[in-house]
Amino acid sequence: MGFCDVPFWLDVTLCCGQVFRWERQGEWWYGVARDKVLKVRQIGGRFEYANVDAKFVEYYFSLDVDLQGIVDSFNRDAHIGKAVKEYWGLRLIRQDPWECLISYICATYKSIPAIRLMLNKMAKKFGEKTVLDGLEFYTFPECKKLAEASERDLLDCGLGYRTKYVLETSRRIWQSNFDLESIKKQPYSEAKKALMDFPGVGAKVADCVLLFSLGKTEAFPVDIWVKRVILNHYSDKLEPELAKKLSARDSLSSGDYERLNSFGRNYFGLHAGYAQEYLYHYERMTL
């Protein structure tokens, strides 16, 4: 158990689309992080946790970062100001890079409930079972387990065409003993390029993994929601031809992605990824 004396909003942090395998039971949230099952809850200003120590909780929920300083660095217009005011306390979770990578490969063109179902099926089939408060949980599969999995087993988990990407990426990482953590030391552009070398990892997946697990807060993932935010509130800052082109179609080409990604990083700065998450959640909740 413990107290949280820094700005933090647990529910929003867990519901804003950055993690997929947390579930609520009554007042408590239960989740699996790396090899640990933990439960957390927040009642007023009191933040409580169990089955892990304070150091783990502080690191996992980024309670050790200066949220006010981060927000001050990008809170430069009325719209982002509204998003921050509405969801103040949202923090980026420091996910395990391996789980984050596979999760976002699987997340392509899927809803959050569908992603959760897919990942839970994989964990149940290939992970290790553990029990907390009489509830069963499964750790995320180790790289070796997925590298040695059959296509049929992964298809049974609902991966569909993503099966080949998960298999190929898992095998490449396992066979080469590639250390995802080592990417943290690389500059953003080099780290992104390294991730995009893996099957199934495009620009958006790479940006999500960099932002949510590798400490690159300048990463600015762009999806349809973020595109909508930019067109609705920042189109005057884009080239007129680009804004017109983006407004005329729903999909995003790779070139469109890079332009919007570049805009986000240049406009919001070093912590553009935090700005993105506030804007993304605000847009989805106020539709």
C-alpha atoms as a PDB file:
ATOM      1  CA  MET A   1       0.000   0.000   0.000  1.00  0.00           C
ATOM      2  CA  GLY A   2       1.102   3.579  -0.335  1.00  0.00           C
ATOM      3  CA  PHE A   3       0.294   7.220  -1.031  1.00  0.00           C
ATOM      4  CA  CYS A   4       0.720   9.264  -4.182  1.00  0.00           C
ATOM      5  CA  ASP A   5       1.733  12.871  -3.529  1.00  0.00           C
ATOM      6  CA  VAL A   6       2.242  13.764  -7.228  1.00  0.00           C
ATOM      7  CA  PRO A   7      -0.411  14.543  -9.889  1.00  0.00           C
ATOM      8  CA  PHE A   8      -1.780  11.216 -11.094  1.00  0.00           C
ATOM      9  CA  TRP A   9      -5.092   9.965 -12.471  1.00  0.00           C
ATOM     10  CA  LEU A  10      -5.050   6.184 -12.499  1.00  0.00           C
ATOM     11  CA  ASP A  11      -8.293   5.509 -14.380  1.00  0.00           C
ATOM     12  CA  VAL A  12      -7.416   7.797 -17.282  1.00  0.00           C
ATOM     13  CA  THR A  13      -3.859   6.472 -17.455  1.00  0.00           C
ATOM     14  CA  LEU A  14      -5.127   2.898 -17.798  1.00  0.00           C
ATOM     15  CA  CYS A  15      -8.035   3.744 -20.146  1.00  0.00           C
ATOM     16  CA  CYS A  16      -6.385   6.082 -22.646  1.00  0.00           C
ATOM     17  CA  GLY A  17      -5.373   3.344 -25.077  1.00  0.00           C
ATOM     18  CA  GLN A  18      -1.701   2.838 -24.245  1.00  0.00           C
ATOM     19  CA  VAL A  19      -2.056  -0.541 -22.464  1.00  0.00           C
ATOM     20  CA  PHE A  20      -4.395  -3.440 -23.191  1.00  0.00           C
ATOM     21  CA  ARG A  21      -4.232  -6.097 -20.491  1.00  0.00           C
ATOM     22  CA  TRP A  22      -5.518  -4.294 -17.404  1.00  0.00           C
ATOM     23  CA  GLU A  23      -8.974  -5.087 -16.041  1.00  0.00           C
ATOM     24  CA  ARG A  24     -11.092  -3.617 -13.300  1.00  0.00           C
ATOM     25  CA  GLN A  25     -12.644  -5.673 -10.506  1.00  0.00           C
ATOM     26  CA  GLY A  26     -14.673  -3.469  -8.187  1.00  0.00           C
ATOM     27  CA  GLU A  27     -12.457  -0.671  -6.879  1.00  0.00           C
ATOM     28  CA  TRP A  28      -9.234  -2.398  -7.946  1.00  0.00           C
ATOM     29  CA  TRP A  29      -7.403  -2.558 -11.245  1.00  0.00           C
ATOM     30  CA  TYR A  30      -5.496  -5.796 -11.892  1.00  0.00           C
ATOM     31  CA  GLY A  31      -2.676  -6.065 -14.392  1.00  0.00           C
ATOM     32  CA  VAL A  32       0.399  -8.020 -15.382  1.00  0.00           C
ATOM     33  CA  ALA A  33       3.610  -6.052 -15.883  1.00  0.00           C
ATOM     34  CA  ARG A  34       6.673  -8.023 -16.897  1.00  0.00           C
ATOM     35  CA  ASP A  35       6.553 -11.060 -14.591  1.00  0.00           C
ATOM     36  CA  LYS A  36       4.527  -9.344 -11.859  1.00  0.00           C
ATOM     37  CA  VAL A  37       0.800  -9.362 -11.190  1.00  0.00           C
ATOM     38  CA  LEU A  38      -0.270  -6.271  -9.313  1.00  0.00           C
ATOM     39  CA  LYS A  39      -3.412  -4.505  -8.223  1.00  0.00           C
ATOM     40  CA  VAL A  40      -3.866  -0.772  -7.813  1.00  0.00           C
ATOM     41  CA  ARG A  41      -6.625   1.653  -6.944  1.00  0.00           C
ATOM     42  CA  GLN A  42      -7.078   5.345  -6.345  1.00  0.00           C
ATOM     43  CA  ILE A  43      -9.579   6.847  -3.943  1.00  0.00           C
ATOM     44  CA  GLY A  44      -9.411  10.609  -3.930  1.00  0.00           C
ATOM     45  CA  GLY A  45      -5.771  11.566  -3.517  1.00  0.00           C
ATOM     46  CA  ARG A  46      -4.838   8.187  -2.098  1.00  0.00           C
ATOM     47  CA  PHE A  47      -3.105   5.729  -4.405  1.00  0.00           C
ATOM     48  CA  GLU A  48      -2.839   2.144  -3.172  1.00  0.00           C
ATOM     49  CA  TYR A  49      -1.112  -0.901  -4.607  1.00  0.00           C
ATOM     50  CA  ALA A  50      -0.385  -4.499  -3.651  1.00  0.00           C
ATOM     51  CA  ASN A  51       1.856  -7.417  -4.639  1.00  0.00           C
ATOM     52  CA  VAL A  52       4.701  -5.127  -5.773  1.00  0.00           C
ATOM     53  CA  ASP A  53       6.976  -2.636  -4.052  1.00  0.00           C
ATOM     54  CA  ALA A  54       6.930   1.152  -4.205  1.00  0.00           C
ATOM     55  CA  LYS A  55       9.945   1.330  -6.517  1.00  0.00           C
ATOM     56  CA  PHE A  56       8.236  -0.822  -9.141  1.00  0.00           C
ATOM     57  CA  VAL A  57       5.025   1.213  -9.006  1.00  0.00           C
ATOM     58  CA  GLU A  58       6.897   4.509  -9.207  1.00  0.00           C
ATOM     59  CA  TYR A  59       8.819   3.395 -12.285  1.00  0.00           C
ATOM     60  CA  TYR A  60       5.954   1.636 -14.085  1.00  0.00           C
ATOM     61  CA  PHE A  61       3.509   4.549 -13.764  1.00  0.00           C
ATOM     62  CA  SER A  62       6.216   7.209 -14.339  1.00  0.00           C
ATOM     63  CA  LEU A  63       5.495   8.782 -10.956  1.00  0.00           C
ATOM     64  CA  ASP A  64       9.133   9.877 -10.804  1.00  0.00           C
ATOM     65  CA  VAL A  65       8.824  12.382 -13.663  1.00  0.00           C
ATOM     66  CA  ASP A  66       7.881  16.054 -13.304  1.00  0.00           C
ATOM     67  CA  LEU A  67       4.465  16.040 -14.999  1.00  0.00           C
ATOM     68  CA  GLN A  68       3.989  19.771 -14.514  1.00  0.00           C
ATOM     69  CA  GLY A  69       7.301  20.499 -16.202  1.00  0.00           C
ATOM     70  CA  ILE A  70       6.487  18.163 -19.076  1.00  0.00           C
ATOM     71  CA  VAL A  71       3.073  19.719 -19.638  1.00  0.00           C
ATOM     72  CA  ASP A  72       4.489  23.252 -19.400  1.00  0.00           C
ATOM     73  CA  SER A  73       6.836  22.386 -22.266  1.00  0.00           C
ATOM     74  CA  PHE A  74       3.989  21.744 -24.749  1.00  0.00           C
ATOM     75  CA  ASN A  75       0.948  23.564 -23.308  1.00  0.00           C
ATOM     76  CA  ARG A  76       1.090  26.325 -25.899  1.00  0.00           C
ATOM     77  CA  ASP A  77      -2.437  26.755 -27.257  1.00  0.00           C
ATOM     78  CA  ALA A  78      -6.051  26.751 -26.114  1.00  0.00           C
ATOM     79  CA  HIS A  79      -6.927  23.297 -27.399  1.00  0.00           C
ATOM     80  CA  ILE A  80      -4.100  21.382 -25.765  1.00  0.00           C
ATOM     81  CA  GLY A  81      -4.834  23.457 -22.656  1.00  0.00           C
ATOM     82  CA  LYS A  82      -8.399  22.099 -22.569  1.00  0.00           C
ATOM     83  CA  ALA A  83      -7.161  18.512 -22.980  1.00  0.00           C
ATOM     84  CA  VAL A  84      -4.641  18.908 -20.158  1.00  0.00           C
ATOM     85  CA  LYS A  85      -7.204  20.511 -17.868  1.00  0.00           C
ATOM     86  CA  GLU A  86      -9.739  17.764 -18.559  1.00  0.00           C
ATOM     87  CA  TYR A  87      -7.350  14.845 -18.031  1.00  0.00           C
ATOM     88  CA  TRP A  88      -4.687  16.266 -15.740  1.00  0.00           C
ATOM     89  CA  GLY A  89      -2.794  13.402 -14.136  1.00  0.00           C
ATOM     90  CA  LEU A  90      -2.584  11.179 -17.210  1.00  0.00           C
ATOM     91  CA  ARG A  91       0.898   9.682 -17.315  1.00  0.00           C
ATOM     92  CA  LEU A  92       2.726   7.469 -19.793  1.00  0.00           C
ATOM     93  CA  ILE A  93       3.222   3.927 -18.537  1.00  0.00           C
ATOM     94  CA  ARG A  94       6.684   2.430 -18.928  1.00  0.00           C
ATOM     95  CA  GLN A  95       5.796  -0.859 -20.560  1.00  0.00           C
ATOM     96  CA  ASP A  96       8.044  -3.834 -21.154  1.00  0.00           C
ATOM     97  CA  PRO A  97       9.502  -3.266 -24.662  1.00  0.00           C
ATOM     98  CA  TRP A  98       8.989  -6.876 -25.766  1.00  0.00           C
ATOM     99  CA  GLU A  99       5.319  -6.998 -24.806  1.00  0.00           C
ATOM    100  CA  CYS A 100       4.775  -3.509 -26.190  1.00  0.00           C
ATOM    101  CA  LEU A 101       6.321  -4.434 -29.543  1.00  0.00           C
ATOM    102  CA  ILE A 102       4.220  -7.562 -30.044  1.00  0.00           C
ATOM    103  CA  SER A 103       1.100  -5.835 -28.708  1.00  0.00           C
ATOM    104  CA  TYR A 104       1.319  -3.010 -31.222  1.00  0.00           C
ATOM    105  CA  ILE A 105       2.103  -5.360 -34.114  1.00  0.00           C
ATOM    106  CA  CYS A 106      -1.152  -7.099 -33.175  1.00  0.00           C
ATOM    107  CA  ALA A 107      -3.001  -3.803 -32.696  1.00  0.00           C
ATOM    108  CA  THR A 108      -2.896  -2.812 -36.365  1.00  0.00           C
ATOM    109  CA  TYR A 109      -6.429  -2.148 -37.639  1.00  0.00           C
ATOM    110  CA  LYS A 110      -8.048  -3.575 -34.500  1.00  0.00           C
ATOM    111  CA  SER A 111     -10.293  -2.076 -31.817  1.00  0.00           C
ATOM    112  CA  ILE A 112      -9.045  -1.985 -28.223  1.00  0.00           C
ATOM    113  CA  PRO A 113     -11.433  -4.788 -27.061  1.00  0.00           C
ATOM    114  CA  ALA A 114     -10.279  -6.976 -29.967  1.00  0.00           C
ATOM    115  CA  ILE A 115      -6.615  -6.293 -29.175  1.00  0.00           C
ATOM    116  CA  ARG A 116      -7.203  -7.169 -25.526  1.00  0.00           C
ATOM    117  CA  LEU A 117      -8.882 -10.458 -26.457  1.00  0.00           C
ATOM    118  CA  MET A 118      -6.085 -11.397 -28.847  1.00  0.00           C
ATOM    119  CA  LEU A 119      -3.308 -10.652 -26.362  1.00  0.00           C
ATOM    120  CA  ASN A 120      -5.070 -12.441 -23.508  1.00  0.00           C
ATOM    121  CA  LYS A 121      -5.503 -15.542 -25.665  1.00  0.00           C
ATOM    122  CA  MET A 122      -1.784 -15.482 -26.480  1.00  0.00           C
ATOM    123  CA  ALA A 123      -0.873 -15.038 -22.835  1.00  0.00           C
ATOM    124  CA  LYS A 124      -3.109 -17.906 -21.760  1.00  0.00           C
ATOM    125  CA  LYS A 125      -1.684 -20.231 -24.421  1.00  0.00           C
ATOM    126  CA  PHE A 126       2.002 -19.308 -24.128  1.00  0.00           C
ATOM    127  CA  GLY A 127       2.458 -17.447 -20.826  1.00  0.00           C
ATOM    128  CA  GLU A 128       2.792 -18.572 -17.227  1.00  0.00           C
ATOM    129  CA  LYS A 129      -0.274 -18.776 -14.993  1.00  0.00           C
ATOM    130  CA  THR A 130      -0.335 -16.926 -11.700  1.00  0.00           C
ATOM    131  CA  VAL A 131      -3.093 -16.221  -9.156  1.00  0.00           C
ATOM    132  CA  LEU A 132      -3.894 -13.117  -7.140  1.00  0.00           C
ATOM    133  CA  ASP A 133      -6.977 -12.788  -4.928  1.00  0.00           C
ATOM    134  CA  GLY A 134      -8.323 -16.013  -6.412  1.00  0.00           C
ATOM    135  CA  LEU A 135      -8.163 -14.586  -9.954  1.00  0.00           C
ATOM    136  CA  GLU A 136      -6.102 -16.198 -12.711  1.00  0.00           C
ATOM    137  CA  PHE A 137      -3.636 -14.152 -14.740  1.00  0.00           C
ATOM    138  CA  TYR A 138      -1.029 -15.018 -17.345  1.00  0.00           C
ATOM    139  CA  THR A 139       2.320 -13.397 -17.965  1.00  0.00           C
ATOM    140  CA  PHE A 140       3.056 -12.234 -21.485  1.00  0.00           C
ATOM    141  CA  PRO A 141       4.760 -14.972 -23.551  1.00  0.00           C
ATOM    142  CA  GLU A 142       8.550 -14.904 -23.595  1.00  0.00           C
ATOM    143  CA  CYS A 143      10.234 -14.341 -26.937  1.00  0.00           C
ATOM    144  CA  LYS A 144      11.403 -17.979 -27.127  1.00  0.00           C
ATOM    145  CA  LYS A 145       7.839 -19.260 -26.703  1.00  0.00           C
ATOM    146  CA  LEU A 146       6.492 -17.198 -29.587  1.00  0.00           C
ATOM    147  CA  ALA A 147       9.533 -17.896 -31.759  1.00  0.00           C
ATOM    148  CA  GLU A 148       8.855 -21.629 -31.388  1.00  0.00           C
ATOM    149  CA  ALA A 149       5.067 -21.352 -31.770  1.00  0.00           C
ATOM    150  CA  SER A 150       3.229 -22.815 -34.733  1.00  0.00           C
ATOM    151  CA  GLU A 151       1.230 -20.709 -37.148  1.00  0.00           C
ATOM    152  CA  ARG A 152      -1.858 -22.697 -36.216  1.00  0.00           C
ATOM    153  CA  ASP A 153      -1.515 -21.873 -32.520  1.00  0.00           C
ATOM    154  CA  LEU A 154      -1.188 -18.153 -33.228  1.00  0.00           C
ATOM    155  CA  LEU A 155      -4.062 -18.200 -35.705  1.00  0.00           C
ATOM    156  CA  ASP A 156      -6.167 -19.790 -32.962  1.00  0.00           C
ATOM    157  CA  CYS A 157      -5.447 -16.699 -30.860  1.00  0.00           C
ATOM    158  CA  GLY A 158      -7.105 -14.545 -33.505  1.00  0.00           C
ATOM    159  CA  LEU A 159      -3.990 -12.936 -34.977  1.00  0.00           C
ATOM    160  CA  GLY A 160      -5.027 -13.443 -38.592  1.00  0.00           C
ATOM    161  CA  TYR A 161      -2.517 -11.957 -41.066  1.00  0.00           C
ATOM    162  CA  ARG A 162      -0.499 -10.635 -38.108  1.00  0.00           C
ATOM    163  CA  THR A 163       0.595 -14.206 -37.377  1.00  0.00           C
ATOM    164  CA  LYS A 164       3.463 -14.099 -39.864  1.00  0.00           C
ATOM    165  CA  TYR A 165       4.705 -10.780 -38.481  1.00  0.00           C
ATOM    166  CA  VAL A 166       4.662 -11.978 -34.873  1.00  0.00           C
ATOM    167  CA  LEU A 167       6.414 -15.213 -35.813  1.00  0.00           C
ATOM    168  CA  GLU A 168       9.081 -13.595 -37.978  1.00  0.00           C
ATOM    169  CA  THR A 169       9.819 -10.797 -35.513  1.00  0.00           C
ATOM    170  CA  SER A 170       9.941 -13.201 -32.547  1.00  0.00           C
ATOM    171  CA  ARG A 171      12.287 -15.565 -34.398  1.00  0.00           C
ATOM    172  CA  ARG A 172      14.585 -12.776 -35.502  1.00  0.00           C
ATOM    173  CA  ILE A 173      14.840 -11.315 -31.990  1.00  0.00           C
ATOM    174  CA  TRP A 174      15.313 -14.739 -30.384  1.00  0.00           C
ATOM    175  CA  GLN A 175      17.871 -16.033 -32.888  1.00  0.00           C
ATOM    176  CA  SER A 176      19.954 -12.859 -32.814  1.00  0.00           C
ATOM    177  CA  ASN A 177      19.513 -12.301 -29.053  1.00  0.00           C
ATOM    178  CA  PHE A 178      18.537  -8.727 -29.910  1.00  0.00           C
ATOM    179  CA  ASP A 179      18.219  -6.459 -26.859  1.00  0.00           C
ATOM    180  CA  LEU A 180      15.283  -4.095 -27.321  1.00  0.00           C
ATOM    181  CA  GLU A 181      16.405  -2.101 -24.288  1.00  0.00           C
ATOM    182  CA  SER A 182      19.564  -1.126 -26.189  1.00  0.00           C
ATOM    183  CA  ILE A 183      17.433   1.049 -28.492  1.00  0.00           C
ATOM    184  CA  LYS A 184      16.910   3.464 -25.604  1.00  0.00           C
ATOM    185  CA  LYS A 185      20.481   4.668 -26.067  1.00  0.00           C
ATOM    186  CA  GLN A 186      19.953   5.585 -29.722  1.00  0.00           C
ATOM    187  CA  PRO A 187      18.656   8.936 -30.995  1.00  0.00           C
ATOM    188  CA  TYR A 188      14.958   8.947 -31.926  1.00  0.00           C
ATOM    189  CA  SER A 189      15.446   8.618 -35.699  1.00  0.00           C
ATOM    190  CA  GLU A 190      17.952   5.758 -35.374  1.00  0.00           C
ATOM    191  CA  ALA A 191      15.807   3.957 -32.818  1.00  0.00           C
ATOM    192  CA  LYS A 192      12.764   4.239 -35.078  1.00  0.00           C
ATOM    193  CA  LYS A 193      14.712   2.908 -38.046  1.00  0.00           C
ATOM    194  CA  ALA A 194      15.948  -0.050 -35.976  1.00  0.00           C
ATOM    195  CA  LEU A 195      12.395  -0.992 -34.964  1.00  0.00           C
ATOM    196  CA  MET A 196      11.049  -0.632 -38.489  1.00  0.00           C
ATOM    197  CA  ASP A 197      13.499  -3.287 -39.617  1.00  0.00           C
ATOM    198  CA  PHE A 198      11.294  -5.884 -37.908  1.00  0.00           C
ATOM    199  CA  PRO A 199       8.412  -7.482 -39.845  1.00  0.00           C
ATOM    200  CA  GLY A 200       5.051  -5.860 -39.158  1.00  0.00           C
ATOM    201  CA  VAL A 201       6.569  -2.685 -37.750  1.00  0.00           C
ATOM    202  CA  GLY A 202       5.630   0.426 -39.678  1.00  0.00           C
ATOM    203  CA  ALA A 203       6.097   4.031 -38.635  1.00  0.00           C
ATOM    204  CA  LYS A 204       3.107   4.143 -36.292  1.00  0.00           C
ATOM    205  CA  VAL A 205       3.925   0.871 -34.513  1.00  0.00           C
ATOM    206  CA  ALA A 206       7.528   2.021 -34.113  1.00  0.00           C
ATOM    207  CA  ASP A 207       6.435   5.365 -32.655  1.00  0.00           C
ATOM    208  CA  CYS A 208       4.078   3.651 -30.197  1.00  0.00           C
ATOM    209  CA  VAL A 209       6.815   1.290 -28.996  1.00  0.00           C
ATOM    210  CA  LEU A 210       9.313   4.151 -28.687  1.00  0.00           C
ATOM    211  CA  LEU A 211       6.848   6.274 -26.717  1.00  0.00           C
ATOM    212  CA  PHE A 212       5.278   3.668 -24.468  1.00  0.00           C
ATOM    213  CA  SER A 213       8.272   1.482 -23.643  1.00  0.00           C
ATOM    214  CA  LEU A 214      11.586   3.002 -24.694  1.00  0.00           C
ATOM    215  CA  GLY A 215      11.473   6.461 -23.166  1.00  0.00           C
ATOM    216  CA  LYS A 216      11.304   8.445 -26.414  1.00  0.00           C
ATOM    217  CA  THR A 217       8.775  11.072 -25.333  1.00  0.00           C
ATOM    218  CA  GLU A 218       9.390  12.987 -28.562  1.00  0.00           C
ATOM    219  CA  ALA A 219       7.727  10.165 -30.539  1.00  0.00           C
ATOM    220  CA  PHE A 220       4.354  11.274 -31.921  1.00  0.00           C
ATOM    221  CA  PRO A 221       2.188   8.351 -33.121  1.00  0.00           C
ATOM    222  CA  VAL A 222      -0.417   9.357 -35.691  1.00  0.00           C
ATOM    223  CA  ASP A 223      -3.680   7.524 -36.302  1.00  0.00           C
ATOM    224  CA  ILE A 224      -7.099   8.590 -37.559  1.00  0.00           C
ATOM    225  CA  TRP A 225      -7.902  10.250 -34.205  1.00  0.00           C
ATOM    226  CA  VAL A 226      -4.689  12.265 -34.151  1.00  0.00           C
ATOM    227  CA  LYS A 227      -5.173  13.200 -37.806  1.00  0.00           C
ATOM    228  CA  ARG A 228      -8.647  14.472 -36.863  1.00  0.00           C
ATOM    229  CA  VAL A 229      -7.221  16.525 -33.999  1.00  0.00           C
ATOM    230  CA  ILE A 230      -4.673  18.165 -36.273  1.00  0.00           C
ATOM    231  CA  LEU A 231      -7.185  18.917 -39.037  1.00  0.00           C
ATOM    232  CA  ASN A 232      -9.788  20.273 -36.609  1.00  0.00           C
ATOM    233  CA  HIS A 233      -7.489  22.389 -34.452  1.00  0.00           C
ATOM    234  CA  TYR A 234      -4.111  22.858 -36.145  1.00  0.00           C
ATOM    235  CA  SER A 235      -4.838  22.921 -39.892  1.00  0.00           C
ATOM    236  CA  ASP A 236      -3.812  26.579 -40.045  1.00  0.00           C
ATOM    237  CA  LYS A 237      -0.304  25.456 -39.144  1.00  0.00           C
ATOM    238  CA  LEU A 238      -0.107  22.971 -42.052  1.00  0.00           C
ATOM    239  CA  GLU A 239       0.621  23.722 -45.682  1.00  0.00           C
ATOM    240  CA  PRO A 240      -2.768  24.478 -47.296  1.00  0.00           C
ATOM    241  CA  GLU A 241      -2.334  21.771 -49.920  1.00  0.00           C
ATOM    242  CA  LEU A 242      -1.549  19.150 -47.277  1.00  0.00           C
ATOM    243  CA  ALA A 243      -4.556  20.119 -45.157  1.00  0.00           C
ATOM    244  CA  LYS A 244      -6.793  19.949 -48.225  1.00  0.00           C
ATOM    245  CA  LYS A 245      -5.416  16.576 -49.241  1.00  0.00           C
ATOM    246  CA  LEU A 246      -5.824  15.090 -45.753  1.00  0.00           C
ATOM    247  CA  SER A 247      -9.380  16.400 -45.463  1.00  0.00           C
ATOM    248  CA  ALA A 248     -10.367  14.704 -48.699  1.00  0.00           C
ATOM    249  CA  ARG A 249      -9.677  11.140 -47.567  1.00  0.00           C
ATOM    250  CA  ASP A 250      -9.849   8.962 -44.474  1.00  0.00           C
ATOM    251  CA  SER A 251      -6.685   6.921 -44.906  1.00  0.00           C
ATOM    252  CA  LEU A 252      -3.110   7.983 -44.262  1.00  0.00           C
ATOM    253  CA  SER A 253      -0.307   7.335 -46.742  1.00  0.00           C
ATOM    254  CA  SER A 254       3.205   6.837 -45.418  1.00  0.00           C
ATOM    255  CA  GLY A 255       4.073  10.325 -46.667  1.00  0.00           C
ATOM    256  CA  ASP A 256       1.053  11.829 -44.901  1.00  0.00           C
ATOM    257  CA  TYR A 257       2.066  10.044 -41.714  1.00  0.00           C
ATOM    258  CA  GLU A 258       5.577  11.437 -41.794  1.00  0.00           C
ATOM    259  CA  ARG A 259       4.338  14.985 -42.394  1.00  0.00           C
ATOM    260  CA  LEU A 260       1.897  14.871 -39.479  1.00  0.00           C
ATOM    261  CA  ASN A 261       4.436  13.117 -37.285  1.00  0.00           C
ATOM    262  CA  SER A 262       6.987  15.803 -38.106  1.00  0.00           C
ATOM    263  CA  PHE A 263       4.454  18.544 -37.378  1.00  0.00           C
ATOM    264  CA  GLY A 264       3.639  17.058 -33.975  1.00  0.00           C
ATOM    265  CA  ARG A 265       7.255  16.678 -32.947  1.00  0.00           C
ATOM    266  CA  ASN A 266       8.243  20.145 -34.136  1.00  0.00           C
ATOM    267  CA  TYR A 267       5.214  21.938 -32.701  1.00  0.00           C
ATOM    268  CA  PHE A 268       5.001  20.219 -29.303  1.00  0.00           C
ATOM    269  CA  GLY A 269       8.705  19.567 -28.794  1.00  0.00           C
ATOM    270  CA  LEU A 270      10.652  17.139 -26.632  1.00  0.00           C
ATOM    271  CA  HIS A 271       7.537  15.725 -24.948  1.00  0.00           C
ATOM    272  CA  ALA A 272       5.292  15.648 -28.030  1.00  0.00           C
ATOM    273  CA  GLY A 273       4.271  12.095 -27.135  1.00  0.00           C
ATOM    274  CA  TYR A 274       2.684  13.281 -23.896  1.00  0.00           C
ATOM    275  CA  ALA A 275       0.821  15.975 -25.850  1.00  0.00           C
ATOM    276  CA  GLN A 276      -0.337  13.335 -28.309  1.00  0.00           C
ATOM    277  CA  GLU A 277      -1.786  11.149 -25.576  1.00  0.00           C
ATOM    278  CA  TYR A 278      -3.719  14.015 -23.988  1.00  0.00           C
ATOM    279  CA  LEU A 279      -5.046  15.110 -27.389  1.00  0.00           C
ATOM    280  CA  TYR A 280      -5.871  11.560 -28.477  1.00  0.00           C
ATOM    281  CA  HIS A 281      -7.852  10.764 -25.337  1.00  0.00           C
ATOM    282  CA  TYR A 282      -9.599  14.146 -25.295  1.00  0.00           C
ATOM    283  CA  GLU A 283     -10.693  13.704 -28.921  1.00  0.00           C
ATOM    284  CA  ARG A 284     -12.055  10.209 -28.346  1.00  0.00           C
ATOM    285  CA  MET A 285     -13.938  11.182 -25.208  1.00  0.00           C
ATOM    286  CA  THR A 286     -15.491  14.385 -26.599  1.00  0.00           C
ATOM    287  CA  LEU A 287     -16.638  13.031 -29.965  1.00  0.00           C
END
